[in-house]
Amino acid sequence: MRRYGKNGRLESVVCNQCGKKIVVKEGIVREGAVMVDHAWDYFSEKDGDVHHFDLCEACYDELISRFLIPVDVEEQTELL
């Protein structure tokens, strides 16, 4: 869950699964986290809904460990 200040700057991020407060400094997330923004479409029971959530790295790892088909992992060669 993300909270933004009146100026639009990111102020805080909390993992939606475990409630851990994720480190944010100067509007930048400073530790491993994943943000999901998904707009459900016409063929879904959630058509028209947009879901937003954040997971800390530990919760993400726990989630994907249950996948029958593992996630595709690609090494990034150029880090910004």
N, C-alpha and C. Protein backbone atom coordinates (compact mmCIF):
# COMPACT_ATOMS: atom_id res chain seq x y z
N MET A 1 0.85 -1.16 0.00
CA MET A 1 0.00 0.00 0.00
C MET A 1 0.90 1.23 0.00
N ARG A 2 0.68 2.10 -0.93
CA ARG A 2 1.49 3.30 -1.07
C ARG A 2 0.72 4.53 -0.62
N ARG A 3 1.44 5.43 0.02
CA ARG A 3 0.89 6.72 0.43
C ARG A 3 1.75 7.82 -0.16
N TYR A 4 1.08 8.79 -0.75
CA TYR A 4 1.76 9.91 -1.38
C TYR A 4 1.40 11.19 -0.63
N GLY A 5 2.36 12.12 -0.59
CA GLY A 5 2.12 13.42 0.03
C GLY A 5 1.32 14.32 -0.90
N LYS A 6 0.99 15.49 -0.41
CA LYS A 6 0.22 16.45 -1.20
C LYS A 6 0.95 16.88 -2.45
N ASN A 7 2.28 16.81 -2.42
CA ASN A 7 3.09 17.19 -3.58
C ASN A 7 3.26 16.04 -4.57
N GLY A 8 2.63 14.88 -4.29
CA GLY A 8 2.73 13.72 -5.17
C GLY A 8 3.94 12.85 -4.92
N ARG A 9 4.73 13.19 -3.92
CA ARG A 9 5.94 12.44 -3.60
C ARG A 9 5.59 11.22 -2.74
N LEU A 10 6.20 10.08 -3.06
CA LEU A 10 5.98 8.86 -2.29
C LEU A 10 6.47 9.05 -0.87
N GLU A 11 5.59 8.77 0.11
CA GLU A 11 5.95 8.95 1.51
C GLU A 11 6.15 7.63 2.23
N SER A 12 5.32 6.63 1.92
CA SER A 12 5.47 5.35 2.62
C SER A 12 4.93 4.21 1.76
N VAL A 13 5.48 3.01 2.03
CA VAL A 13 5.02 1.79 1.38
C VAL A 13 4.93 0.73 2.47
N VAL A 14 3.81 0.01 2.49
CA VAL A 14 3.59 -1.06 3.45
C VAL A 14 3.21 -2.31 2.67
N CYS A 15 3.83 -3.44 3.02
CA CYS A 15 3.50 -4.71 2.37
C CYS A 15 2.05 -5.07 2.69
N ASN A 16 1.27 -5.31 1.66
CA ASN A 16 -0.14 -5.65 1.85
C ASN A 16 -0.33 -7.01 2.50
N GLN A 17 0.66 -7.90 2.42
CA GLN A 17 0.49 -9.23 3.00
C GLN A 17 0.89 -9.28 4.47
N CYS A 18 2.08 -8.81 4.81
CA CYS A 18 2.57 -8.96 6.19
C CYS A 18 2.54 -7.67 7.00
N GLY A 19 2.34 -6.53 6.34
CA GLY A 19 2.28 -5.26 7.04
C GLY A 19 3.62 -4.60 7.30
N LYS A 20 4.70 -5.19 6.79
CA LYS A 20 6.03 -4.62 6.99
C LYS A 20 6.12 -3.24 6.34
N LYS A 21 6.69 -2.29 7.06
CA LYS A 21 6.93 -0.97 6.50
C LYS A 21 8.22 -1.03 5.68
N ILE A 22 8.12 -0.71 4.41
CA ILE A 22 9.26 -0.77 3.48
C ILE A 22 9.95 0.59 3.50
N VAL A 23 11.27 0.57 3.54
CA VAL A 23 12.05 1.80 3.65
C VAL A 23 11.87 2.68 2.41
N VAL A 24 11.48 3.94 2.65
CA VAL A 24 11.35 4.95 1.60
C VAL A 24 12.14 6.17 2.06
N LYS A 25 13.07 6.62 1.24
CA LYS A 25 13.84 7.84 1.54
C LYS A 25 13.79 8.76 0.35
N GLU A 26 13.44 10.00 0.60
CA GLU A 26 13.37 11.03 -0.43
C GLU A 26 12.50 10.59 -1.61
N GLY A 27 11.41 9.88 -1.31
CA GLY A 27 10.45 9.47 -2.33
C GLY A 27 10.84 8.24 -3.11
N ILE A 28 11.92 7.55 -2.69
CA ILE A 28 12.43 6.38 -3.41
C ILE A 28 12.41 5.16 -2.51
N VAL A 29 11.86 4.03 -3.02
CA VAL A 29 11.86 2.77 -2.27
C VAL A 29 13.30 2.30 -2.19
N ARG A 30 13.78 2.01 -0.95
CA ARG A 30 15.18 1.68 -0.72
C ARG A 30 15.42 0.23 -0.31
N GLU A 31 14.47 -0.66 -0.60
CA GLU A 31 14.68 -2.08 -0.36
C GLU A 31 13.79 -2.87 -1.32
N GLY A 32 14.03 -4.18 -1.38
CA GLY A 32 13.31 -5.02 -2.33
C GLY A 32 11.82 -5.03 -2.08
N ALA A 33 11.07 -4.73 -3.11
CA ALA A 33 9.60 -4.75 -3.04
C ALA A 33 9.07 -4.85 -4.46
N VAL A 34 7.85 -5.36 -4.58
CA VAL A 34 7.20 -5.42 -5.88
C VAL A 34 5.86 -4.69 -5.78
N MET A 35 5.57 -3.90 -6.81
CA MET A 35 4.32 -3.15 -6.87
C MET A 35 3.49 -3.74 -8.00
N VAL A 36 2.23 -4.01 -7.72
CA VAL A 36 1.33 -4.54 -8.73
C VAL A 36 0.19 -3.54 -8.94
N ASP A 37 -0.02 -3.18 -10.20
CA ASP A 37 -1.16 -2.37 -10.63
C ASP A 37 -1.79 -3.14 -11.78
N HIS A 38 -2.97 -3.65 -11.56
CA HIS A 38 -3.60 -4.46 -12.61
C HIS A 38 -5.02 -4.00 -12.89
N ALA A 39 -5.29 -3.68 -14.15
CA ALA A 39 -6.63 -3.32 -14.59
C ALA A 39 -7.29 -4.57 -15.16
N TRP A 40 -8.33 -5.05 -14.49
CA TRP A 40 -9.05 -6.23 -14.96
C TRP A 40 -9.86 -5.85 -16.19
N ASP A 41 -9.98 -6.78 -17.11
CA ASP A 41 -10.63 -6.47 -18.38
C ASP A 41 -11.96 -7.19 -18.56
N TYR A 42 -12.47 -7.11 -19.76
CA TYR A 42 -13.81 -7.53 -20.13
C TYR A 42 -14.13 -8.98 -19.76
N PHE A 43 -13.20 -9.89 -19.91
CA PHE A 43 -13.49 -11.30 -19.71
C PHE A 43 -13.29 -11.74 -18.26
N SER A 44 -13.15 -10.82 -17.35
CA SER A 44 -12.94 -11.10 -15.94
C SER A 44 -14.20 -10.80 -15.14
N GLU A 45 -14.34 -11.48 -14.01
CA GLU A 45 -15.42 -11.16 -13.08
C GLU A 45 -15.19 -9.81 -12.41
N LYS A 46 -13.98 -9.27 -12.55
CA LYS A 46 -13.62 -7.99 -11.95
C LYS A 46 -13.54 -6.88 -13.00
N ASP A 47 -14.20 -7.06 -14.12
CA ASP A 47 -14.15 -6.10 -15.22
C ASP A 47 -14.38 -4.68 -14.71
N GLY A 48 -13.46 -3.79 -15.05
CA GLY A 48 -13.57 -2.40 -14.65
C GLY A 48 -12.86 -2.06 -13.35
N ASP A 49 -12.44 -3.09 -12.60
CA ASP A 49 -11.71 -2.85 -11.35
C ASP A 49 -10.22 -2.73 -11.64
N VAL A 50 -9.54 -1.88 -10.87
CA VAL A 50 -8.09 -1.78 -10.92
C VAL A 50 -7.58 -2.10 -9.52
N HIS A 51 -6.72 -3.10 -9.41
CA HIS A 51 -6.17 -3.51 -8.12
C HIS A 51 -4.74 -3.01 -8.00
N HIS A 52 -4.40 -2.48 -6.82
CA HIS A 52 -3.06 -1.98 -6.53
C HIS A 52 -2.60 -2.64 -5.23
N PHE A 53 -1.39 -3.21 -5.22
CA PHE A 53 -0.83 -3.69 -3.96
C PHE A 53 0.68 -3.78 -4.05
N ASP A 54 1.30 -3.86 -2.87
CA ASP A 54 2.75 -3.97 -2.75
C ASP A 54 3.08 -5.18 -1.89
N LEU A 55 4.19 -5.85 -2.24
CA LEU A 55 4.69 -6.96 -1.44
C LEU A 55 6.16 -6.72 -1.13
N CYS A 56 6.56 -7.00 0.11
CA CYS A 56 7.98 -6.96 0.43
C CYS A 56 8.65 -8.15 -0.26
N GLU A 57 9.96 -8.16 -0.29
CA GLU A 57 10.68 -9.21 -1.00
C GLU A 57 10.41 -10.59 -0.39
N ALA A 58 10.33 -10.68 0.94
CA ALA A 58 10.07 -11.96 1.60
C ALA A 58 8.70 -12.52 1.22
N CYS A 59 7.68 -11.67 1.20
CA CYS A 59 6.33 -12.12 0.83
C CYS A 59 6.26 -12.50 -0.65
N TYR A 60 6.96 -11.76 -1.48
CA TYR A 60 7.03 -12.11 -2.90
C TYR A 60 7.66 -13.49 -3.06
N ASP A 61 8.79 -13.73 -2.38
CA ASP A 61 9.47 -15.03 -2.48
C ASP A 61 8.56 -16.16 -2.00
N GLU A 62 7.82 -15.92 -0.91
CA GLU A 62 6.91 -16.93 -0.39
C GLU A 62 5.78 -17.21 -1.38
N LEU A 63 5.26 -16.17 -2.01
CA LEU A 63 4.19 -16.32 -3.00
C LEU A 63 4.65 -17.15 -4.20
N ILE A 64 5.78 -16.76 -4.78
CA ILE A 64 6.21 -17.46 -6.00
C ILE A 64 6.72 -18.87 -5.72
N SER A 65 7.07 -19.17 -4.48
CA SER A 65 7.52 -20.53 -4.14
C SER A 65 6.39 -21.54 -4.31
N ARG A 66 5.14 -21.07 -4.31
CA ARG A 66 3.97 -21.95 -4.47
C ARG A 66 3.56 -22.12 -5.94
N PHE A 67 4.19 -21.41 -6.85
CA PHE A 67 3.83 -21.51 -8.27
C PHE A 67 4.16 -22.89 -8.82
N LEU A 68 3.25 -23.46 -9.58
CA LEU A 68 3.51 -24.72 -10.26
C LEU A 68 4.54 -24.51 -11.36
N ILE A 69 4.42 -23.43 -12.10
CA ILE A 69 5.38 -23.06 -13.14
C ILE A 69 6.18 -21.89 -12.61
N PRO A 70 7.50 -22.05 -12.47
CA PRO A 70 8.31 -20.99 -11.88
C PRO A 70 8.31 -19.71 -12.72
N VAL A 71 8.59 -18.60 -12.06
CA VAL A 71 8.68 -17.33 -12.78
C VAL A 71 9.89 -17.36 -13.70
N ASP A 72 9.80 -16.63 -14.79
CA ASP A 72 10.94 -16.44 -15.69
C ASP A 72 11.86 -15.42 -15.05
N VAL A 73 13.12 -15.76 -14.88
CA VAL A 73 14.09 -14.84 -14.29
C VAL A 73 15.13 -14.53 -15.36
N GLU A 74 15.32 -13.26 -15.60
CA GLU A 74 16.28 -12.79 -16.60
C GLU A 74 17.24 -11.85 -15.89
N GLU A 75 18.55 -12.09 -16.04
CA GLU A 75 19.52 -11.21 -15.41
C GLU A 75 19.63 -9.92 -16.18
N GLN A 76 19.55 -8.82 -15.45
CA GLN A 76 19.68 -7.50 -16.04
C GLN A 76 21.18 -7.17 -16.11
N THR A 77 21.65 -6.87 -17.32
CA THR A 77 23.08 -6.64 -17.48
C THR A 77 23.47 -5.20 -17.27
N GLU A 78 22.54 -4.28 -17.38
CA GLU A 78 22.85 -2.87 -17.19
C GLU A 78 21.94 -2.32 -16.10
N LEU A 79 22.54 -2.01 -14.96
CA LEU A 79 21.78 -1.49 -13.85
C LEU A 79 21.82 0.02 -13.83
N LEU A 80 20.69 0.64 -13.60
CA LEU A 80 20.63 2.10 -13.57
C LEU A 80 20.81 2.61 -12.17
